[in-house]
Amino acid sequence: MREILQSKIHKAVVTQADLGYIGSVTIDEELLELVDLWPGQKVLIVSNTNGARIETYVIKGERGSGEICINGAAAHLVQKGHEVIIIGFQFADKLLEPKQILVDQNNKFVQYL
């Protein structure tokens, strides 16, 4: 088994950073469905703005909201307005076709990559 790329949301913009929340990243439910990420699933968040890399888990956000909220201590490193890539991985014993999307400045689906 190898851990390989399963999902990617490319060029998302952080809409909120909440230090007071207990960990995780909140993601618009529509985006989760497009890339097949599940609530509770581990993800890697990479800031294109400052290079920070954070592992956390997914919380389902309001459908159609465009919400990308970095919660808890991670909000020290990735802040509102940062451009990020959200990456999900999966253990598999064969190659998978990852679901990758590009979003616009409002975190609305643009195209599959």
PDB file of N, CA and C in Angstrom:
ATOM      1  N   MET A   1       0.839  -1.179   0.000  1.00  0.00           N
ATOM      2  CA  MET A   1       0.000   0.000   0.000  1.00  0.00           C
ATOM      3  C   MET A   1       0.887   1.248   0.000  1.00  0.00           C
ATOM      4  N   ARG A   2       0.436   2.237  -0.743  1.00  0.00           N
ATOM      5  CA  ARG A   2       1.132   3.522  -0.777  1.00  0.00           C
ATOM      6  C   ARG A   2       0.116   4.631  -0.550  1.00  0.00           C
ATOM      7  N   GLU A   3       0.574   5.699   0.062  1.00  0.00           N
ATOM      8  CA  GLU A   3      -0.293   6.860   0.253  1.00  0.00           C
ATOM      9  C   GLU A   3      -0.127   7.761  -0.964  1.00  0.00           C
ATOM     10  N   ILE A   4      -1.211   7.932  -1.725  1.00  0.00           N
ATOM     11  CA  ILE A   4      -1.132   8.684  -2.972  1.00  0.00           C
ATOM     12  C   ILE A   4      -2.196   9.775  -3.024  1.00  0.00           C
ATOM     13  N   LEU A   5      -2.002  10.713  -3.943  1.00  0.00           N
ATOM     14  CA  LEU A   5      -2.931  11.822  -4.122  1.00  0.00           C
ATOM     15  C   LEU A   5      -4.315  11.309  -4.480  1.00  0.00           C
ATOM     16  N   GLN A   6      -5.316  11.762  -3.734  1.00  0.00           N
ATOM     17  CA  GLN A   6      -6.706  11.420  -3.989  1.00  0.00           C
ATOM     18  C   GLN A   6      -7.477  12.634  -4.486  1.00  0.00           C
ATOM     19  N   SER A   7      -7.231  13.788  -3.855  1.00  0.00           N
ATOM     20  CA  SER A   7      -8.050  14.973  -4.086  1.00  0.00           C
ATOM     21  C   SER A   7      -7.207  16.237  -3.978  1.00  0.00           C
ATOM     22  N   LYS A   8      -7.597  17.265  -4.765  1.00  0.00           N
ATOM     23  CA  LYS A   8      -6.915  18.550  -4.627  1.00  0.00           C
ATOM     24  C   LYS A   8      -7.868  19.679  -4.990  1.00  0.00           C
ATOM     25  N   ILE A   9      -7.923  20.676  -4.107  1.00  0.00           N
ATOM     26  CA  ILE A   9      -8.609  21.934  -4.387  1.00  0.00           C
ATOM     27  C   ILE A   9      -7.502  22.956  -4.565  1.00  0.00           C
ATOM     28  N   HIS A  10      -7.363  23.466  -5.798  1.00  0.00           N
ATOM     29  CA  HIS A  10      -6.219  24.308  -6.152  1.00  0.00           C
ATOM     30  C   HIS A  10      -6.610  25.782  -6.184  1.00  0.00           C
ATOM     31  N   LYS A  11      -5.772  26.604  -5.542  1.00  0.00           N
ATOM     32  CA  LYS A  11      -5.890  28.073  -5.531  1.00  0.00           C
ATOM     33  C   LYS A  11      -7.123  28.577  -4.779  1.00  0.00           C
ATOM     34  N   ALA A  12      -7.505  27.868  -3.716  1.00  0.00           N
ATOM     35  CA  ALA A  12      -8.601  28.343  -2.865  1.00  0.00           C
ATOM     36  C   ALA A  12      -8.120  29.545  -2.057  1.00  0.00           C
ATOM     37  N   VAL A  13      -9.049  30.406  -1.690  1.00  0.00           N
ATOM     38  CA  VAL A  13      -8.733  31.588  -0.881  1.00  0.00           C
ATOM     39  C   VAL A  13      -9.371  31.411   0.495  1.00  0.00           C
ATOM     40  N   VAL A  14      -8.559  31.567   1.528  1.00  0.00           N
ATOM     41  CA  VAL A  14      -9.047  31.431   2.900  1.00  0.00           C
ATOM     42  C   VAL A  14     -10.001  32.576   3.204  1.00  0.00           C
ATOM     43  N   THR A  15     -11.220  32.230   3.610  1.00  0.00           N
ATOM     44  CA  THR A  15     -12.257  33.234   3.887  1.00  0.00           C
ATOM     45  C   THR A  15     -12.311  33.622   5.355  1.00  0.00           C
ATOM     46  N   GLN A  16     -11.725  32.783   6.213  1.00  0.00           N
ATOM     47  CA  GLN A  16     -11.734  33.070   7.641  1.00  0.00           C
ATOM     48  C   GLN A  16     -10.621  32.278   8.304  1.00  0.00           C
ATOM     49  N   ALA A  17     -10.024  32.832   9.353  1.00  0.00           N
ATOM     50  CA  ALA A  17      -9.051  32.131  10.187  1.00  0.00           C
ATOM     51  C   ALA A  17      -9.481  32.362  11.631  1.00  0.00           C
ATOM     52  N   ASP A  18      -9.833  31.285  12.321  1.00  0.00           N
ATOM     53  CA  ASP A  18     -10.444  31.381  13.648  1.00  0.00           C
ATOM     54  C   ASP A  18      -9.582  30.670  14.684  1.00  0.00           C
ATOM     55  N   LEU A  19      -8.770  31.447  15.406  1.00  0.00           N
ATOM     56  CA  LEU A  19      -7.906  30.881  16.445  1.00  0.00           C
ATOM     57  C   LEU A  19      -8.695  30.198  17.555  1.00  0.00           C
ATOM     58  N   GLY A  20      -9.890  30.684  17.838  1.00  0.00           N
ATOM     59  CA  GLY A  20     -10.675  30.177  18.951  1.00  0.00           C
ATOM     60  C   GLY A  20     -11.336  28.840  18.700  1.00  0.00           C
ATOM     61  N   TYR A  21     -11.355  28.377  17.457  1.00  0.00           N
ATOM     62  CA  TYR A  21     -12.012  27.110  17.142  1.00  0.00           C
ATOM     63  C   TYR A  21     -11.041  25.969  17.410  1.00  0.00           C
ATOM     64  N   ILE A  22     -11.554  24.823  17.792  1.00  0.00           N
ATOM     65  CA  ILE A  22     -10.699  23.689  18.157  1.00  0.00           C
ATOM     66  C   ILE A  22     -10.311  22.903  16.899  1.00  0.00           C
ATOM     67  N   GLY A  23      -9.285  23.351  16.210  1.00  0.00           N
ATOM     68  CA  GLY A  23      -8.679  22.626  15.098  1.00  0.00           C
ATOM     69  C   GLY A  23      -9.536  22.400  13.869  1.00  0.00           C
ATOM     70  N   SER A  24      -8.932  22.065  12.765  1.00  0.00           N
ATOM     71  CA  SER A  24      -9.544  21.629  11.515  1.00  0.00           C
ATOM     72  C   SER A  24      -9.651  22.722  10.458  1.00  0.00           C
ATOM     73  N   VAL A  25     -10.194  22.335   9.293  1.00  0.00           N
ATOM     74  CA  VAL A  25     -10.473  23.268   8.208  1.00  0.00           C
ATOM     75  C   VAL A  25     -11.927  23.058   7.782  1.00  0.00           C
ATOM     76  N   THR A  26     -12.674  24.126   7.698  1.00  0.00           N
ATOM     77  CA  THR A  26     -14.062  24.058   7.234  1.00  0.00           C
ATOM     78  C   THR A  26     -14.065  24.368   5.745  1.00  0.00           C
ATOM     79  N   ILE A  27     -14.698  23.471   4.964  1.00  0.00           N
ATOM     80  CA  ILE A  27     -14.709  23.587   3.504  1.00  0.00           C
ATOM     81  C   ILE A  27     -16.136  23.475   3.003  1.00  0.00           C
ATOM     82  N   ASP A  28     -16.515  24.369   2.100  1.00  0.00           N
ATOM     83  CA  ASP A  28     -17.810  24.348   1.428  1.00  0.00           C
ATOM     84  C   ASP A  28     -18.163  22.913   1.002  1.00  0.00           C
ATOM     85  N   GLU A  29     -19.346  22.456   1.375  1.00  0.00           N
ATOM     86  CA  GLU A  29     -19.782  21.092   1.080  1.00  0.00           C
ATOM     87  C   GLU A  29     -19.751  20.778  -0.424  1.00  0.00           C
ATOM     88  N   GLU A  30     -20.061  21.745  -1.256  1.00  0.00           N
ATOM     89  CA  GLU A  30     -20.038  21.538  -2.703  1.00  0.00           C
ATOM     90  C   GLU A  30     -18.629  21.172  -3.188  1.00  0.00           C
ATOM     91  N   LEU A  31     -17.624  21.866  -2.654  1.00  0.00           N
ATOM     92  CA  LEU A  31     -16.235  21.567  -3.027  1.00  0.00           C
ATOM     93  C   LEU A  31     -15.827  20.181  -2.531  1.00  0.00           C
ATOM     94  N   LEU A  32     -16.264  19.821  -1.328  1.00  0.00           N
ATOM     95  CA  LEU A  32     -15.954  18.488  -0.802  1.00  0.00           C
ATOM     96  C   LEU A  32     -16.470  17.402  -1.732  1.00  0.00           C
ATOM     97  N   GLU A  33     -17.690  17.576  -2.217  1.00  0.00           N
ATOM     98  CA  GLU A  33     -18.278  16.578  -3.110  1.00  0.00           C
ATOM     99  C   GLU A  33     -17.543  16.510  -4.449  1.00  0.00           C
ATOM    100  N   LEU A  34     -17.112  17.645  -4.968  1.00  0.00           N
ATOM    101  CA  LEU A  34     -16.415  17.663  -6.257  1.00  0.00           C
ATOM    102  C   LEU A  34     -15.100  16.885  -6.226  1.00  0.00           C
ATOM    103  N   VAL A  35     -14.439  16.881  -5.069  1.00  0.00           N
ATOM    104  CA  VAL A  35     -13.148  16.190  -4.962  1.00  0.00           C
ATOM    105  C   VAL A  35     -13.200  14.946  -4.075  1.00  0.00           C
ATOM    106  N   ASP A  36     -14.396  14.586  -3.621  1.00  0.00           N
ATOM    107  CA  ASP A  36     -14.603  13.366  -2.833  1.00  0.00           C
ATOM    108  C   ASP A  36     -13.815  13.368  -1.523  1.00  0.00           C
ATOM    109  N   LEU A  37     -13.831  14.507  -0.829  1.00  0.00           N
ATOM    110  CA  LEU A  37     -13.282  14.555   0.528  1.00  0.00           C
ATOM    111  C   LEU A  37     -14.422  14.359   1.521  1.00  0.00           C
ATOM    112  N   TRP A  38     -14.136  13.698   2.630  1.00  0.00           N
ATOM    113  CA  TRP A  38     -15.148  13.411   3.651  1.00  0.00           C
ATOM    114  C   TRP A  38     -14.885  14.242   4.906  1.00  0.00           C
ATOM    115  N   PRO A  39     -15.952  14.598   5.616  1.00  0.00           N
ATOM    116  CA  PRO A  39     -15.757  15.201   6.935  1.00  0.00           C
ATOM    117  C   PRO A  39     -14.931  14.253   7.812  1.00  0.00           C
ATOM    118  N   GLY A  40     -13.975  14.807   8.504  1.00  0.00           N
ATOM    119  CA  GLY A  40     -13.088  14.013   9.351  1.00  0.00           C
ATOM    120  C   GLY A  40     -11.855  13.500   8.646  1.00  0.00           C
ATOM    121  N   GLN A  41     -11.815  13.588   7.326  1.00  0.00           N
ATOM    122  CA  GLN A  41     -10.659  13.087   6.576  1.00  0.00           C
ATOM    123  C   GLN A  41      -9.461  14.010   6.767  1.00  0.00           C
ATOM    124  N   LYS A  42      -8.288  13.403   6.887  1.00  0.00           N
ATOM    125  CA  LYS A  42      -7.042  14.155   7.020  1.00  0.00           C
ATOM    126  C   LYS A  42      -6.699  14.819   5.696  1.00  0.00           C
ATOM    127  N   VAL A  43      -6.274  16.083   5.763  1.00  0.00           N
ATOM    128  CA  VAL A  43      -5.835  16.822   4.581  1.00  0.00           C
ATOM    129  C   VAL A  43      -4.559  17.589   4.902  1.00  0.00           C
ATOM    130  N   LEU A  44      -3.829  17.894   3.838  1.00  0.00           N
ATOM    131  CA  LEU A  44      -2.656  18.760   3.906  1.00  0.00           C
ATOM    132  C   LEU A  44      -3.060  20.090   3.296  1.00  0.00           C
ATOM    133  N   ILE A  45      -2.784  21.172   3.987  1.00  0.00           N
ATOM    134  CA  ILE A  45      -3.050  22.506   3.467  1.00  0.00           C
ATOM    135  C   ILE A  45      -1.711  23.179   3.231  1.00  0.00           C
ATOM    136  N   VAL A  46      -1.505  23.661   2.010  1.00  0.00           N
ATOM    137  CA  VAL A  46      -0.267  24.331   1.628  1.00  0.00           C
ATOM    138  C   VAL A  46      -0.612  25.775   1.278  1.00  0.00           C
ATOM    139  N   SER A  47       0.016  26.728   1.951  1.00  0.00           N
ATOM    140  CA  SER A  47      -0.207  28.137   1.648  1.00  0.00           C
ATOM    141  C   SER A  47       0.702  28.564   0.503  1.00  0.00           C
ATOM    142  N   ASN A  48       0.103  28.992  -0.598  1.00  0.00           N
ATOM    143  CA  ASN A  48       0.885  29.574  -1.684  1.00  0.00           C
ATOM    144  C   ASN A  48       1.384  30.961  -1.292  1.00  0.00           C
ATOM    145  N   THR A  49       0.793  31.541  -0.279  1.00  0.00           N
ATOM    146  CA  THR A  49       1.142  32.888   0.159  1.00  0.00           C
ATOM    147  C   THR A  49       2.446  32.909   0.961  1.00  0.00           C
ATOM    148  N   ASN A  50       2.594  31.966   1.916  1.00  0.00           N
ATOM    149  CA  ASN A  50       3.800  32.010   2.745  1.00  0.00           C
ATOM    150  C   ASN A  50       4.534  30.676   2.856  1.00  0.00           C
ATOM    151  N   GLY A  51       4.053  29.633   2.179  1.00  0.00           N
ATOM    152  CA  GLY A  51       4.740  28.349   2.187  1.00  0.00           C
ATOM    153  C   GLY A  51       4.414  27.432   3.347  1.00  0.00           C
ATOM    154  N   ALA A  52       3.580  27.872   4.283  1.00  0.00           N
ATOM    155  CA  ALA A  52       3.226  27.017   5.420  1.00  0.00           C
ATOM    156  C   ALA A  52       2.541  25.746   4.933  1.00  0.00           C
ATOM    157  N   ARG A  53       2.803  24.637   5.649  1.00  0.00           N
ATOM    158  CA  ARG A  53       2.183  23.348   5.345  1.00  0.00           C
ATOM    159  C   ARG A  53       1.589  22.821   6.645  1.00  0.00           C
ATOM    160  N   ILE A  54       0.299  22.477   6.616  1.00  0.00           N
ATOM    161  CA  ILE A  54      -0.413  22.078   7.826  1.00  0.00           C
ATOM    162  C   ILE A  54      -1.228  20.827   7.543  1.00  0.00           C
ATOM    163  N   GLU A  55      -1.166  19.863   8.448  1.00  0.00           N
ATOM    164  CA  GLU A  55      -2.058  18.714   8.382  1.00  0.00           C
ATOM    165  C   GLU A  55      -3.185  18.923   9.379  1.00  0.00           C
ATOM    166  N   THR A  56      -4.397  18.655   8.937  1.00  0.00           N
ATOM    167  CA  THR A  56      -5.570  18.788   9.789  1.00  0.00           C
ATOM    168  C   THR A  56      -6.658  17.890   9.239  1.00  0.00           C
ATOM    169  N   TYR A  57      -7.893  18.104   9.670  1.00  0.00           N
ATOM    170  CA  TYR A  57      -9.003  17.292   9.183  1.00  0.00           C
ATOM    171  C   TYR A  57     -10.133  18.205   8.715  1.00  0.00           C
ATOM    172  N   VAL A  58     -11.019  17.634   7.910  1.00  0.00           N
ATOM    173  CA  VAL A  58     -12.085  18.380   7.243  1.00  0.00           C
ATOM    174  C   VAL A  58     -13.341  18.477   8.110  1.00  0.00           C
ATOM    175  N   ILE A  59     -13.947  19.665   8.111  1.00  0.00           N
ATOM    176  CA  ILE A  59     -15.300  19.889   8.619  1.00  0.00           C
ATOM    177  C   ILE A  59     -16.127  20.398   7.447  1.00  0.00           C
ATOM    178  N   LYS A  60     -17.330  19.863   7.307  1.00  0.00           N
ATOM    179  CA  LYS A  60     -18.215  20.265   6.214  1.00  0.00           C
ATOM    180  C   LYS A  60     -18.776  21.649   6.477  1.00  0.00           C
ATOM    181  N   GLY A  61     -18.592  22.550   5.484  1.00  0.00           N
ATOM    182  CA  GLY A  61     -19.133  23.898   5.560  1.00  0.00           C
ATOM    183  C   GLY A  61     -20.443  24.007   4.793  1.00  0.00           C
ATOM    184  N   GLU A  62     -21.038  25.160   4.856  1.00  0.00           N
ATOM    185  CA  GLU A  62     -22.319  25.407   4.192  1.00  0.00           C
ATOM    186  C   GLU A  62     -22.178  25.310   2.674  1.00  0.00           C
ATOM    187  N   ARG A  63     -23.082  24.538   2.067  1.00  0.00           N
ATOM    188  CA  ARG A  63     -23.083  24.330   0.612  1.00  0.00           C
ATOM    189  C   ARG A  63     -23.226  25.662  -0.118  1.00  0.00           C
ATOM    190  N   GLY A  64     -22.325  25.881  -1.101  1.00  0.00           N
ATOM    191  CA  GLY A  64     -22.387  27.073  -1.934  1.00  0.00           C
ATOM    192  C   GLY A  64     -21.835  28.332  -1.301  1.00  0.00           C
ATOM    193  N   SER A  65     -21.316  28.229  -0.088  1.00  0.00           N
ATOM    194  CA  SER A  65     -20.825  29.397   0.642  1.00  0.00           C
ATOM    195  C   SER A  65     -19.449  29.865   0.174  1.00  0.00           C
ATOM    196  N   GLY A  66     -18.674  28.962  -0.426  1.00  0.00           N
ATOM    197  CA  GLY A  66     -17.287  29.281  -0.784  1.00  0.00           C
ATOM    198  C   GLY A  66     -16.369  29.297   0.424  1.00  0.00           C
ATOM    199  N   GLU A  67     -16.862  28.813   1.532  1.00  0.00           N
ATOM    200  CA  GLU A  67     -16.139  28.876   2.800  1.00  0.00           C
ATOM    201  C   GLU A  67     -14.898  27.981   2.808  1.00  0.00           C
ATOM    202  N   ILE A  68     -13.769  28.588   3.172  1.00  0.00           N
ATOM    203  CA  ILE A  68     -12.526  27.884   3.489  1.00  0.00           C
ATOM    204  C   ILE A  68     -12.029  28.548   4.769  1.00  0.00           C
ATOM    205  N   CYS A  69     -12.263  27.900   5.892  1.00  0.00           N
ATOM    206  CA  CYS A  69     -11.914  28.490   7.193  1.00  0.00           C
ATOM    207  C   CYS A  69     -10.849  27.648   7.874  1.00  0.00           C
ATOM    208  N   ILE A  70      -9.727  28.282   8.167  1.00  0.00           N
ATOM    209  CA  ILE A  70      -8.645  27.631   8.904  1.00  0.00           C
ATOM    210  C   ILE A  70      -8.921  27.846  10.386  1.00  0.00           C
ATOM    211  N   ASN A  71      -9.034  26.748  11.120  1.00  0.00           N
ATOM    212  CA  ASN A  71      -9.442  26.812  12.520  1.00  0.00           C
ATOM    213  C   ASN A  71      -8.309  26.432  13.464  1.00  0.00           C
ATOM    214  N   GLY A  72      -8.355  26.959  14.674  1.00  0.00           N
ATOM    215  CA  GLY A  72      -7.406  26.598  15.717  1.00  0.00           C
ATOM    216  C   GLY A  72      -6.024  27.177  15.486  1.00  0.00           C
ATOM    217  N   ALA A  73      -5.020  26.506  16.053  1.00  0.00           N
ATOM    218  CA  ALA A  73      -3.641  27.002  16.031  1.00  0.00           C
ATOM    219  C   ALA A  73      -3.121  27.246  14.620  1.00  0.00           C
ATOM    220  N   ALA A  74      -3.635  26.508  13.628  1.00  0.00           N
ATOM    221  CA  ALA A  74      -3.196  26.685  12.236  1.00  0.00           C
ATOM    222  C   ALA A  74      -3.448  28.101  11.741  1.00  0.00           C
ATOM    223  N   ALA A  75      -4.390  28.806  12.371  1.00  0.00           N
ATOM    224  CA  ALA A  75      -4.695  30.183  11.978  1.00  0.00           C
ATOM    225  C   ALA A  75      -3.530  31.136  12.256  1.00  0.00           C
ATOM    226  N   HIS A  76      -2.549  30.706  13.042  1.00  0.00           N
ATOM    227  CA  HIS A  76      -1.336  31.499  13.216  1.00  0.00           C
ATOM    228  C   HIS A  76      -0.497  31.499  11.941  1.00  0.00           C
ATOM    229  N   LEU A  77      -0.595  30.423  11.157  1.00  0.00           N
ATOM    230  CA  LEU A  77       0.250  30.245   9.982  1.00  0.00           C
ATOM    231  C   LEU A  77      -0.456  30.547   8.669  1.00  0.00           C
ATOM    232  N   VAL A  78      -1.734  30.261   8.597  1.00  0.00           N
ATOM    233  CA  VAL A  78      -2.518  30.481   7.378  1.00  0.00           C
ATOM    234  C   VAL A  78      -3.687  31.386   7.754  1.00  0.00           C
ATOM    235  N   GLN A  79      -3.743  32.534   7.110  1.00  0.00           N
ATOM    236  CA  GLN A  79      -4.693  33.563   7.513  1.00  0.00           C
ATOM    237  C   GLN A  79      -5.673  33.916   6.402  1.00  0.00           C
ATOM    238  N   LYS A  80      -6.695  34.647   6.778  1.00  0.00           N
ATOM    239  CA  LYS A  80      -7.706  35.109   5.828  1.00  0.00           C
ATOM    240  C   LYS A  80      -7.018  35.811   4.653  1.00  0.00           C
ATOM    241  N   GLY A  81      -7.450  35.453   3.439  1.00  0.00           N
ATOM    242  CA  GLY A  81      -6.874  36.037   2.240  1.00  0.00           C
ATOM    243  C   GLY A  81      -5.742  35.231   1.630  1.00  0.00           C
ATOM    244  N   HIS A  82      -5.170  34.292   2.376  1.00  0.00           N
ATOM    245  CA  HIS A  82      -4.109  33.451   1.824  1.00  0.00           C
ATOM    246  C   HIS A  82      -4.677  32.565   0.720  1.00  0.00           C
ATOM    247  N   GLU A  83      -3.860  32.319  -0.300  1.00  0.00           N
ATOM    248  CA  GLU A  83      -4.206  31.351  -1.337  1.00  0.00           C
ATOM    249  C   GLU A  83      -3.616  30.004  -0.915  1.00  0.00           C
ATOM    250  N   VAL A  84      -4.452  28.957  -0.951  1.00  0.00           N
ATOM    251  CA  VAL A  84      -4.014  27.649  -0.483  1.00  0.00           C
ATOM    252  C   VAL A  84      -4.357  26.545  -1.482  1.00  0.00           C
ATOM    253  N   ILE A  85      -3.664  25.439  -1.309  1.00  0.00           N
ATOM    254  CA  ILE A  85      -3.982  24.187  -1.975  1.00  0.00           C
ATOM    255  C   ILE A  85      -4.372  23.214  -0.870  1.00  0.00           C
ATOM    256  N   ILE A  86      -5.503  22.548  -1.030  1.00  0.00           N
ATOM    257  CA  ILE A  86      -5.972  21.572  -0.051  1.00  0.00           C
ATOM    258  C   ILE A  86      -5.859  20.200  -0.704  1.00  0.00           C
ATOM    259  N   ILE A  87      -5.091  19.307  -0.054  1.00  0.00           N
ATOM    260  CA  ILE A  87      -4.751  18.028  -0.656  1.00  0.00           C
ATOM    261  C   ILE A  87      -5.187  16.884   0.254  1.00  0.00           C
ATOM    262  N   GLY A  88      -5.905  15.930  -0.334  1.00  0.00           N
ATOM    263  CA  GLY A  88      -6.281  14.708   0.372  1.00  0.00           C
ATOM    264  C   GLY A  88      -5.515  13.536  -0.216  1.00  0.00           C
ATOM    265  N   PHE A  89      -5.151  12.591   0.628  1.00  0.00           N
ATOM    266  CA  PHE A  89      -4.424  11.404   0.199  1.00  0.00           C
ATOM    267  C   PHE A  89      -5.229  10.159   0.545  1.00  0.00           C
ATOM    268  N   GLN A  90      -4.876   9.054  -0.083  1.00  0.00           N
ATOM    269  CA  GLN A  90      -5.554   7.789   0.168  1.00  0.00           C
ATOM    270  C   GLN A  90      -4.530   6.670   0.088  1.00  0.00           C
ATOM    271  N   PHE A  91      -4.678   5.659   0.948  1.00  0.00           N
ATOM    272  CA  PHE A  91      -3.843   4.466   0.834  1.00  0.00           C
ATOM    273  C   PHE A  91      -4.440   3.573  -0.231  1.00  0.00           C
ATOM    274  N   ALA A  92      -3.591   3.096  -1.145  1.00  0.00           N
ATOM    275  CA  ALA A  92      -4.055   2.243  -2.237  1.00  0.00           C
ATOM    276  C   ALA A  92      -2.938   1.314  -2.670  1.00  0.00           C
ATOM    277  N   ASP A  93      -3.335   0.211  -3.282  1.00  0.00           N
ATOM    278  CA  ASP A  93      -2.344  -0.721  -3.808  1.00  0.00           C
ATOM    279  C   ASP A  93      -2.262  -0.647  -5.323  1.00  0.00           C
ATOM    280  N   LYS A  94      -2.923   0.362  -5.912  1.00  0.00           N
ATOM    281  CA  LYS A  94      -2.844   0.604  -7.353  1.00  0.00           C
ATOM    282  C   LYS A  94      -3.011   2.102  -7.594  1.00  0.00           C
ATOM    283  N   LEU A  95      -2.653   2.551  -8.772  1.00  0.00           N
ATOM    284  CA  LEU A  95      -2.797   3.968  -9.107  1.00  0.00           C
ATOM    285  C   LEU A  95      -4.262   4.366  -9.136  1.00  0.00           C
ATOM    286  N   LEU A  96      -4.532   5.575  -8.683  1.00  0.00           N
ATOM    287  CA  LEU A  96      -5.876   6.141  -8.710  1.00  0.00           C
ATOM    288  C   LEU A  96      -5.877   7.363  -9.614  1.00  0.00           C
ATOM    289  N   GLU A  97      -7.029   7.711 -10.127  1.00  0.00           N
ATOM    290  CA  GLU A  97      -7.189   8.963 -10.868  1.00  0.00           C
ATOM    291  C   GLU A  97      -7.664  10.008  -9.855  1.00  0.00           C
ATOM    292  N   PRO A  98      -6.797  10.920  -9.428  1.00  0.00           N
ATOM    293  CA  PRO A  98      -7.208  11.894  -8.413  1.00  0.00           C
ATOM    294  C   PRO A  98      -8.247  12.873  -8.949  1.00  0.00           C
ATOM    295  N   LYS A  99      -9.096  13.349  -8.054  1.00  0.00           N
ATOM    296  CA  LYS A  99     -10.079  14.374  -8.403  1.00  0.00           C
ATOM    297  C   LYS A  99      -9.477  15.714  -7.997  1.00  0.00           C
ATOM    298  N   GLN A 100      -9.162  16.531  -9.005  1.00  0.00           N
ATOM    299  CA  GLN A 100      -8.494  17.805  -8.769  1.00  0.00           C
ATOM    300  C   GLN A 100      -9.302  18.916  -9.424  1.00  0.00           C
ATOM    301  N   ILE A 101      -9.523  19.995  -8.667  1.00  0.00           N
ATOM    302  CA  ILE A 101     -10.273  21.119  -9.219  1.00  0.00           C
ATOM    303  C   ILE A 101      -9.528  22.431  -9.013  1.00  0.00           C
ATOM    304  N   LEU A 102      -9.828  23.362  -9.893  1.00  0.00           N
ATOM    305  CA  LEU A 102      -9.373  24.744  -9.785  1.00  0.00           C
ATOM    306  C   LEU A 102     -10.584  25.562  -9.382  1.00  0.00           C
ATOM    307  N   VAL A 103     -10.409  26.469  -8.420  1.00  0.00           N
ATOM    308  CA  VAL A 103     -11.483  27.369  -8.011  1.00  0.00           C
ATOM    309  C   VAL A 103     -11.070  28.812  -8.279  1.00  0.00           C
ATOM    310  N   ASP A 104     -12.067  29.703  -8.324  1.00  0.00           N
ATOM    311  CA  ASP A 104     -11.790  31.121  -8.555  1.00  0.00           C
ATOM    312  C   ASP A 104     -11.561  31.840  -7.224  1.00  0.00           C
ATOM    313  N   GLN A 105     -11.450  33.153  -7.247  1.00  0.00           N
ATOM    314  CA  GLN A 105     -11.185  33.965  -6.052  1.00  0.00           C
ATOM    315  C   GLN A 105     -12.294  33.875  -5.007  1.00  0.00           C
ATOM    316  N   ASN A 106     -13.489  33.413  -5.423  1.00  0.00           N
ATOM    317  CA  ASN A 106     -14.612  33.234  -4.498  1.00  0.00           C
ATOM    318  C   ASN A 106     -14.817  31.773  -4.132  1.00  0.00           C
ATOM    319  N   ASN A 107     -13.826  30.948  -4.454  1.00  0.00           N
ATOM    320  CA  ASN A 107     -13.856  29.516  -4.180  1.00  0.00           C
ATOM    321  C   ASN A 107     -15.005  28.798  -4.872  1.00  0.00           C
ATOM    322  N   LYS A 108     -15.309  29.246  -6.070  1.00  0.00           N
ATOM    323  CA  LYS A 108     -16.315  28.594  -6.907  1.00  0.00           C
ATOM    324  C   LYS A 108     -15.593  27.751  -7.952  1.00  0.00           C
ATOM    325  N   PHE A 109     -16.144  26.581  -8.234  1.00  0.00           N
ATOM    326  CA  PHE A 109     -15.569  25.651  -9.198  1.00  0.00           C
ATOM    327  C   PHE A 109     -15.345  26.325 -10.544  1.00  0.00           C
ATOM    328  N   VAL A 110     -14.147  26.155 -11.116  1.00  0.00           N
ATOM    329  CA  VAL A 110     -13.818  26.664 -12.448  1.00  0.00           C
ATOM    330  C   VAL A 110     -13.706  25.490 -13.420  1.00  0.00           C
ATOM    331  N   GLN A 111     -12.853  24.512 -13.056  1.00  0.00           N
ATOM    332  CA  GLN A 111     -12.648  23.370 -13.952  1.00  0.00           C
ATOM    333  C   GLN A 111     -11.938  22.246 -13.212  1.00  0.00           C
ATOM    334  N   TYR A 112     -12.071  21.042 -13.779  1.00  0.00           N
ATOM    335  CA  TYR A 112     -11.262  19.922 -13.306  1.00  0.00           C
ATOM    336  C   TYR A 112      -9.868  20.072 -13.901  1.00  0.00           C
ATOM    337  N   LEU A 113      -8.861  19.663 -13.149  1.00  0.00           N
ATOM    338  CA  LEU A 113      -7.462  19.717 -13.604  1.00  0.00           C
ATOM    339  C   LEU A 113      -7.029  18.349 -14.085  1.00  0.00           C
TER     340      LEU A 113
END
